[in-house]
Amino acid sequence: MPKPMTVTPNTRFETGARIGWDIDIVTAAGAQIPASGELVGCGQTVREVLADLRVKAARQLGLPNKQVEITGYQFYRH
């Protein structure tokens, strides 16, 4: 069972750690989209991971990065 992690923007994920994530995405047009997934830690901070997820979400939605915001997030340790 995944355990929720308490993180700050500067929390650094351990290299090789399996991390689950849930994010809430809001577009400039007001659409609210939940998303989830898993990553393998590679020494990035929460801030860096969220920036990458935002860019990937914008790309998948076909929107400029500035039109996509992550308004909430939760990370889980597996």
PDB file of N, CA and C in Angstrom:
ATOM      1  N   MET A   1       0.840  -1.180   0.000  1.00  0.00           N
ATOM      2  CA  MET A   1       0.000   0.000   0.000  1.00  0.00           C
ATOM      3  C   MET A   1       0.891   1.251   0.000  1.00  0.00           C
ATOM      4  N   PRO A   2       0.716   2.131  -0.977  1.00  0.00           N
ATOM      5  CA  PRO A   2       1.527   3.345  -1.004  1.00  0.00           C
ATOM      6  C   PRO A   2       1.267   4.228   0.218  1.00  0.00           C
ATOM      7  N   LYS A   3       2.320   4.866   0.714  1.00  0.00           N
ATOM      8  CA  LYS A   3       2.207   5.747   1.868  1.00  0.00           C
ATOM      9  C   LYS A   3       2.383   7.192   1.419  1.00  0.00           C
ATOM     10  N   PRO A   4       1.430   8.085   1.754  1.00  0.00           N
ATOM     11  CA  PRO A   4       1.591   9.495   1.389  1.00  0.00           C
ATOM     12  C   PRO A   4       2.875  10.071   1.986  1.00  0.00           C
ATOM     13  N   MET A   5       3.525  10.913   1.223  1.00  0.00           N
ATOM     14  CA  MET A   5       4.758  11.556   1.664  1.00  0.00           C
ATOM     15  C   MET A   5       4.465  13.006   2.016  1.00  0.00           C
ATOM     16  N   THR A   6       5.112  13.500   3.053  1.00  0.00           N
ATOM     17  CA  THR A   6       5.071  14.921   3.361  1.00  0.00           C
ATOM     18  C   THR A   6       6.277  15.539   2.673  1.00  0.00           C
ATOM     19  N   VAL A   7       6.014  16.457   1.739  1.00  0.00           N
ATOM     20  CA  VAL A   7       7.104  17.051   0.967  1.00  0.00           C
ATOM     21  C   VAL A   7       6.970  18.568   0.932  1.00  0.00           C
ATOM     22  N   THR A   8       8.082  19.213   0.651  1.00  0.00           N
ATOM     23  CA  THR A   8       8.121  20.650   0.379  1.00  0.00           C
ATOM     24  C   THR A   8       8.659  20.793  -1.045  1.00  0.00           C
ATOM     25  N   PRO A   9       8.583  21.981  -1.621  1.00  0.00           N
ATOM     26  CA  PRO A   9       9.130  22.155  -2.975  1.00  0.00           C
ATOM     27  C   PRO A   9      10.602  21.779  -3.099  1.00  0.00           C
ATOM     28  N   ASN A  10      11.353  21.840  -1.999  1.00  0.00           N
ATOM     29  CA  ASN A  10      12.785  21.522  -2.051  1.00  0.00           C
ATOM     30  C   ASN A  10      13.118  20.092  -1.655  1.00  0.00           C
ATOM     31  N   THR A  11      12.110  19.283  -1.335  1.00  0.00           N
ATOM     32  CA  THR A  11      12.361  17.877  -1.018  1.00  0.00           C
ATOM     33  C   THR A  11      12.968  17.199  -2.238  1.00  0.00           C
ATOM     34  N   ARG A  12      14.031  16.455  -2.028  1.00  0.00           N
ATOM     35  CA  ARG A  12      14.718  15.757  -3.122  1.00  0.00           C
ATOM     36  C   ARG A  12      14.384  14.269  -3.051  1.00  0.00           C
ATOM     37  N   PHE A  13      13.971  13.697  -4.184  1.00  0.00           N
ATOM     38  CA  PHE A  13      13.641  12.276  -4.250  1.00  0.00           C
ATOM     39  C   PHE A  13      14.911  11.447  -4.386  1.00  0.00           C
ATOM     40  N   GLU A  14      14.986  10.369  -3.613  1.00  0.00           N
ATOM     41  CA  GLU A  14      16.149   9.485  -3.663  1.00  0.00           C
ATOM     42  C   GLU A  14      16.264   8.827  -5.034  1.00  0.00           C
ATOM     43  N   THR A  15      17.471   8.684  -5.493  1.00  0.00           N
ATOM     44  CA  THR A  15      17.701   7.995  -6.757  1.00  0.00           C
ATOM     45  C   THR A  15      17.255   6.549  -6.630  1.00  0.00           C
ATOM     46  N   GLY A  16      16.445   6.107  -7.571  1.00  0.00           N
ATOM     47  CA  GLY A  16      15.968   4.728  -7.605  1.00  0.00           C
ATOM     48  C   GLY A  16      14.682   4.482  -6.826  1.00  0.00           C
ATOM     49  N   ALA A  17      14.222   5.450  -6.036  1.00  0.00           N
ATOM     50  CA  ALA A  17      12.986   5.270  -5.256  1.00  0.00           C
ATOM     51  C   ALA A  17      11.774   5.300  -6.186  1.00  0.00           C
ATOM     52  N   ARG A  18      10.836   4.388  -5.962  1.00  0.00           N
ATOM     53  CA  ARG A  18       9.585   4.382  -6.731  1.00  0.00           C
ATOM     54  C   ARG A  18       8.605   5.329  -6.050  1.00  0.00           C
ATOM     55  N   ILE A  19       8.164   6.347  -6.791  1.00  0.00           N
ATOM     56  CA  ILE A  19       7.302   7.391  -6.254  1.00  0.00           C
ATOM     57  C   ILE A  19       6.031   7.471  -7.099  1.00  0.00           C
ATOM     58  N   GLY A  20       4.893   7.349  -6.442  1.00  0.00           N
ATOM     59  CA  GLY A  20       3.611   7.567  -7.123  1.00  0.00           C
ATOM     60  C   GLY A  20       3.220   9.023  -6.964  1.00  0.00           C
ATOM     61  N   TRP A  21       2.410   9.535  -7.894  1.00  0.00           N
ATOM     62  CA  TRP A  21       1.980  10.926  -7.785  1.00  0.00           C
ATOM     63  C   TRP A  21       0.551  11.096  -8.275  1.00  0.00           C
ATOM     64  N   ASP A  22      -0.131  12.045  -7.677  1.00  0.00           N
ATOM     65  CA  ASP A  22      -1.446  12.519  -8.111  1.00  0.00           C
ATOM     66  C   ASP A  22      -1.327  14.025  -8.221  1.00  0.00           C
ATOM     67  N   ILE A  23      -1.797  14.592  -9.330  1.00  0.00           N
ATOM     68  CA  ILE A  23      -1.775  16.043  -9.482  1.00  0.00           C
ATOM     69  C   ILE A  23      -3.138  16.525  -9.963  1.00  0.00           C
ATOM     70  N   ASP A  24      -3.416  17.771  -9.678  1.00  0.00           N
ATOM     71  CA  ASP A  24      -4.607  18.448 -10.180  1.00  0.00           C
ATOM     72  C   ASP A  24      -4.134  19.515 -11.150  1.00  0.00           C
ATOM     73  N   ILE A  25      -4.614  19.425 -12.388  1.00  0.00           N
ATOM     74  CA  ILE A  25      -4.231  20.352 -13.448  1.00  0.00           C
ATOM     75  C   ILE A  25      -5.409  21.276 -13.727  1.00  0.00           C
ATOM     76  N   VAL A  26      -5.130  22.557 -13.907  1.00  0.00           N
ATOM     77  CA  VAL A  26      -6.146  23.519 -14.317  1.00  0.00           C
ATOM     78  C   VAL A  26      -5.596  24.264 -15.533  1.00  0.00           C
ATOM     79  N   THR A  27      -6.420  24.350 -16.581  1.00  0.00           N
ATOM     80  CA  THR A  27      -6.005  25.078 -17.780  1.00  0.00           C
ATOM     81  C   THR A  27      -6.490  26.519 -17.691  1.00  0.00           C
ATOM     82  N   ALA A  28      -5.934  27.366 -18.546  1.00  0.00           N
ATOM     83  CA  ALA A  28      -6.333  28.778 -18.573  1.00  0.00           C
ATOM     84  C   ALA A  28      -7.822  28.916 -18.897  1.00  0.00           C
ATOM     85  N   ALA A  29      -8.380  27.946 -19.611  1.00  0.00           N
ATOM     86  CA  ALA A  29      -9.803  27.978 -19.961  1.00  0.00           C
ATOM     87  C   ALA A  29     -10.687  27.501 -18.807  1.00  0.00           C
ATOM     88  N   GLY A  30     -10.060  27.056 -17.706  1.00  0.00           N
ATOM     89  CA  GLY A  30     -10.824  26.643 -16.532  1.00  0.00           C
ATOM     90  C   GLY A  30     -11.081  25.150 -16.413  1.00  0.00           C
ATOM     91  N   ALA A  31     -10.585  24.355 -17.351  1.00  0.00           N
ATOM     92  CA  ALA A  31     -10.778  22.897 -17.267  1.00  0.00           C
ATOM     93  C   ALA A  31      -9.949  22.343 -16.113  1.00  0.00           C
ATOM     94  N   GLN A  32     -10.566  21.468 -15.316  1.00  0.00           N
ATOM     95  CA  GLN A  32      -9.866  20.825 -14.201  1.00  0.00           C
ATOM     96  C   GLN A  32      -9.654  19.366 -14.553  1.00  0.00           C
ATOM     97  N   ILE A  33      -8.409  18.913 -14.500  1.00  0.00           N
ATOM     98  CA  ILE A  33      -8.059  17.569 -14.951  1.00  0.00           C
ATOM     99  C   ILE A  33      -7.191  16.892 -13.899  1.00  0.00           C
ATOM    100  N   PRO A  34      -7.667  15.790 -13.316  1.00  0.00           N
ATOM    101  CA  PRO A  34      -6.807  15.033 -12.404  1.00  0.00           C
ATOM    102  C   PRO A  34      -5.881  14.115 -13.216  1.00  0.00           C
ATOM    103  N   ALA A  35      -4.706  13.864 -12.708  1.00  0.00           N
ATOM    104  CA  ALA A  35      -3.769  12.962 -13.369  1.00  0.00           C
ATOM    105  C   ALA A  35      -2.969  12.233 -12.299  1.00  0.00           C
ATOM    106  N   SER A  36      -2.487  11.042 -12.644  1.00  0.00           N
ATOM    107  CA  SER A  36      -1.666  10.287 -11.702  1.00  0.00           C
ATOM    108  C   SER A  36      -0.675   9.438 -12.487  1.00  0.00           C
ATOM    109  N   GLY A  37       0.347   8.981 -11.779  1.00  0.00           N
ATOM    110  CA  GLY A  37       1.354   8.159 -12.418  1.00  0.00           C
ATOM    111  C   GLY A  37       2.408   7.744 -11.422  1.00  0.00           C
ATOM    112  N   GLU A  38       3.500   7.271 -11.958  1.00  0.00           N
ATOM    113  CA  GLU A  38       4.608   6.815 -11.122  1.00  0.00           C
ATOM    114  C   GLU A  38       5.910   7.239 -11.778  1.00  0.00           C
ATOM    115  N   LEU A  39       6.905   7.504 -10.951  1.00  0.00           N
ATOM    116  CA  LEU A  39       8.225   7.846 -11.463  1.00  0.00           C
ATOM    117  C   LEU A  39       9.273   7.142 -10.624  1.00  0.00           C
ATOM    118  N   VAL A  40      10.469   7.092 -11.150  1.00  0.00           N
ATOM    119  CA  VAL A  40      11.613   6.561 -10.401  1.00  0.00           C
ATOM    120  C   VAL A  40      12.488   7.760 -10.059  1.00  0.00           C
ATOM    121  N   GLY A  41      12.736   7.950  -8.777  1.00  0.00           N
ATOM    122  CA  GLY A  41      13.517   9.093  -8.327  1.00  0.00           C
ATOM    123  C   GLY A  41      14.894   9.127  -8.968  1.00  0.00           C
ATOM    124  N   CYS A  42      15.322  10.331  -9.322  1.00  0.00           N
ATOM    125  CA  CYS A  42      16.666  10.489  -9.905  1.00  0.00           C
ATOM    126  C   CYS A  42      17.342  11.722  -9.328  1.00  0.00           C
ATOM    127  N   GLY A  43      17.033  12.020  -8.055  1.00  0.00           N
ATOM    128  CA  GLY A  43      17.684  13.131  -7.390  1.00  0.00           C
ATOM    129  C   GLY A  43      17.037  14.474  -7.630  1.00  0.00           C
ATOM    130  N   GLN A  44      15.897  14.508  -8.334  1.00  0.00           N
ATOM    131  CA  GLN A  44      15.216  15.774  -8.583  1.00  0.00           C
ATOM    132  C   GLN A  44      14.441  16.230  -7.347  1.00  0.00           C
ATOM    133  N   THR A  45      14.201  17.534  -7.264  1.00  0.00           N
ATOM    134  CA  THR A  45      13.374  18.074  -6.194  1.00  0.00           C
ATOM    135  C   THR A  45      11.907  18.020  -6.619  1.00  0.00           C
ATOM    136  N   VAL A  46      11.025  18.197  -5.661  1.00  0.00           N
ATOM    137  CA  VAL A  46       9.588  18.253  -5.953  1.00  0.00           C
ATOM    138  C   VAL A  46       9.315  19.360  -6.967  1.00  0.00           C
ATOM    139  N   ARG A  47       9.937  20.509  -6.781  1.00  0.00           N
ATOM    140  CA  ARG A  47       9.739  21.638  -7.703  1.00  0.00           C
ATOM    141  C   ARG A  47      10.106  21.242  -9.137  1.00  0.00           C
ATOM    142  N   GLU A  48      11.232  20.539  -9.303  1.00  0.00           N
ATOM    143  CA  GLU A  48      11.675  20.127 -10.641  1.00  0.00           C
ATOM    144  C   GLU A  48      10.727  19.089 -11.247  1.00  0.00           C
ATOM    145  N   VAL A  49      10.270  18.153 -10.424  1.00  0.00           N
ATOM    146  CA  VAL A  49       9.338  17.123 -10.908  1.00  0.00           C
ATOM    147  C   VAL A  49       8.027  17.767 -11.347  1.00  0.00           C
ATOM    148  N   LEU A  50       7.501  18.691 -10.548  1.00  0.00           N
ATOM    149  CA  LEU A  50       6.246  19.358 -10.909  1.00  0.00           C
ATOM    150  C   LEU A  50       6.398  20.173 -12.188  1.00  0.00           C
ATOM    151  N   ALA A  51       7.543  20.813 -12.377  1.00  0.00           N
ATOM    152  CA  ALA A  51       7.783  21.569 -13.609  1.00  0.00           C
ATOM    153  C   ALA A  51       7.776  20.629 -14.817  1.00  0.00           C
ATOM    154  N   ASP A  52       8.415  19.468 -14.682  1.00  0.00           N
ATOM    155  CA  ASP A  52       8.418  18.477 -15.771  1.00  0.00           C
ATOM    156  C   ASP A  52       7.010  17.972 -16.054  1.00  0.00           C
ATOM    157  N   LEU A  53       6.242  17.678 -14.991  1.00  0.00           N
ATOM    158  CA  LEU A  53       4.872  17.187 -15.173  1.00  0.00           C
ATOM    159  C   LEU A  53       3.992  18.237 -15.849  1.00  0.00           C
ATOM    160  N   ARG A  54       4.208  19.490 -15.516  1.00  0.00           N
ATOM    161  CA  ARG A  54       3.434  20.578 -16.127  1.00  0.00           C
ATOM    162  C   ARG A  54       3.713  20.658 -17.621  1.00  0.00           C
ATOM    163  N   VAL A  55       4.981  20.570 -18.003  1.00  0.00           N
ATOM    164  CA  VAL A  55       5.355  20.618 -19.415  1.00  0.00           C
ATOM    165  C   VAL A  55       4.753  19.420 -20.156  1.00  0.00           C
ATOM    166  N   LYS A  56       4.837  18.232 -19.551  1.00  0.00           N
ATOM    167  CA  LYS A  56       4.277  17.036 -20.190  1.00  0.00           C
ATOM    168  C   LYS A  56       2.763  17.145 -20.332  1.00  0.00           C
ATOM    169  N   ALA A  57       2.088  17.670 -19.305  1.00  0.00           N
ATOM    170  CA  ALA A  57       0.632  17.836 -19.367  1.00  0.00           C
ATOM    171  C   ALA A  57       0.257  18.820 -20.475  1.00  0.00           C
ATOM    172  N   ALA A  58       0.957  19.932 -20.558  1.00  0.00           N
ATOM    173  CA  ALA A  58       0.675  20.929 -21.594  1.00  0.00           C
ATOM    174  C   ALA A  58       0.861  20.320 -22.980  1.00  0.00           C
ATOM    175  N   ARG A  59       1.927  19.547 -23.142  1.00  0.00           N
ATOM    176  CA  ARG A  59       2.203  18.908 -24.431  1.00  0.00           C
ATOM    177  C   ARG A  59       1.070  17.942 -24.799  1.00  0.00           C
ATOM    178  N   GLN A  60       0.629  17.139 -23.825  1.00  0.00           N
ATOM    179  CA  GLN A  60      -0.439  16.174 -24.099  1.00  0.00           C
ATOM    180  C   GLN A  60      -1.764  16.866 -24.406  1.00  0.00           C
ATOM    181  N   LEU A  61      -1.996  18.016 -23.795  1.00  0.00           N
ATOM    182  CA  LEU A  61      -3.234  18.760 -24.038  1.00  0.00           C
ATOM    183  C   LEU A  61      -3.138  19.666 -25.260  1.00  0.00           C
ATOM    184  N   GLY A  62      -1.946  19.786 -25.834  1.00  0.00           N
ATOM    185  CA  GLY A  62      -1.752  20.647 -26.998  1.00  0.00           C
ATOM    186  C   GLY A  62      -1.834  22.128 -26.659  1.00  0.00           C
ATOM    187  N   LEU A  63      -1.428  22.492 -25.440  1.00  0.00           N
ATOM    188  CA  LEU A  63      -1.498  23.876 -24.981  1.00  0.00           C
ATOM    189  C   LEU A  63      -0.103  24.415 -24.679  1.00  0.00           C
ATOM    190  N   PRO A  64       0.052  25.746 -24.752  1.00  0.00           N
ATOM    191  CA  PRO A  64       1.319  26.336 -24.306  1.00  0.00           C
ATOM    192  C   PRO A  64       1.495  26.108 -22.802  1.00  0.00           C
ATOM    193  N   ASN A  65       2.738  25.981 -22.353  1.00  0.00           N
ATOM    194  CA  ASN A  65       3.024  25.740 -20.929  1.00  0.00           C
ATOM    195  C   ASN A  65       2.355  26.761 -20.021  1.00  0.00           C
ATOM    196  N   LYS A  66       2.285  28.013 -20.451  1.00  0.00           N
ATOM    197  CA  LYS A  66       1.729  29.082 -19.619  1.00  0.00           C
ATOM    198  C   LYS A  66       0.230  28.930 -19.384  1.00  0.00           C
ATOM    199  N   GLN A  67      -0.435  28.067 -20.163  1.00  0.00           N
ATOM    200  CA  GLN A  67      -1.875  27.884 -20.005  1.00  0.00           C
ATOM    201  C   GLN A  67      -2.217  26.680 -19.131  1.00  0.00           C
ATOM    202  N   VAL A  68      -1.206  26.079 -18.511  1.00  0.00           N
ATOM    203  CA  VAL A  68      -1.423  24.898 -17.664  1.00  0.00           C
ATOM    204  C   VAL A  68      -0.780  25.151 -16.296  1.00  0.00           C
ATOM    205  N   GLU A  69      -1.549  24.915 -15.243  1.00  0.00           N
ATOM    206  CA  GLU A  69      -1.030  25.057 -13.885  1.00  0.00           C
ATOM    207  C   GLU A  69      -1.334  23.789 -13.089  1.00  0.00           C
ATOM    208  N   ILE A  70      -0.441  23.435 -12.192  1.00  0.00           N
ATOM    209  CA  ILE A  70      -0.693  22.344 -11.248  1.00  0.00           C
ATOM    210  C   ILE A  70      -1.114  23.013  -9.947  1.00  0.00           C
ATOM    211  N   THR A  71      -2.364  22.748  -9.534  1.00  0.00           N
ATOM    212  CA  THR A  71      -2.908  23.429  -8.359  1.00  0.00           C
ATOM    213  C   THR A  71      -2.857  22.581  -7.099  1.00  0.00           C
ATOM    214  N   GLY A  72      -2.605  21.304  -7.233  1.00  0.00           N
ATOM    215  CA  GLY A  72      -2.497  20.436  -6.072  1.00  0.00           C
ATOM    216  C   GLY A  72      -1.689  19.210  -6.427  1.00  0.00           C
ATOM    217  N   TYR A  73      -1.053  18.626  -5.420  1.00  0.00           N
ATOM    218  CA  TYR A  73      -0.257  17.419  -5.676  1.00  0.00           C
ATOM    219  C   TYR A  73      -0.094  16.608  -4.406  1.00  0.00           C
ATOM    220  N   GLN A  74       0.121  15.306  -4.605  1.00  0.00           N
ATOM    221  CA  GLN A  74       0.425  14.393  -3.508  1.00  0.00           C
ATOM    222  C   GLN A  74       1.385  13.345  -4.059  1.00  0.00           C
ATOM    223  N   PHE A  75       2.425  13.056  -3.308  1.00  0.00           N
ATOM    224  CA  PHE A  75       3.384  12.017  -3.691  1.00  0.00           C
ATOM    225  C   PHE A  75       3.264  10.865  -2.719  1.00  0.00           C
ATOM    226  N   TYR A  76       3.521   9.650  -3.215  1.00  0.00           N
ATOM    227  CA  TYR A  76       3.411   8.433  -2.423  1.00  0.00           C
ATOM    228  C   TYR A  76       4.676   7.604  -2.577  1.00  0.00           C
ATOM    229  N   ARG A  77       5.124   7.027  -1.482  1.00  0.00           N
ATOM    230  CA  ARG A  77       6.274   6.110  -1.531  1.00  0.00           C
ATOM    231  C   ARG A  77       5.741   4.683  -1.656  1.00  0.00           C
ATOM    232  N   HIS A  78       6.317   3.939  -2.594  1.00  0.00           N
ATOM    233  CA  HIS A  78       5.912   2.536  -2.793  1.00  0.00           C
ATOM    234  C   HIS A  78       6.841   1.624  -2.019  1.00  0.00           C
TER     235      HIS A  78
END
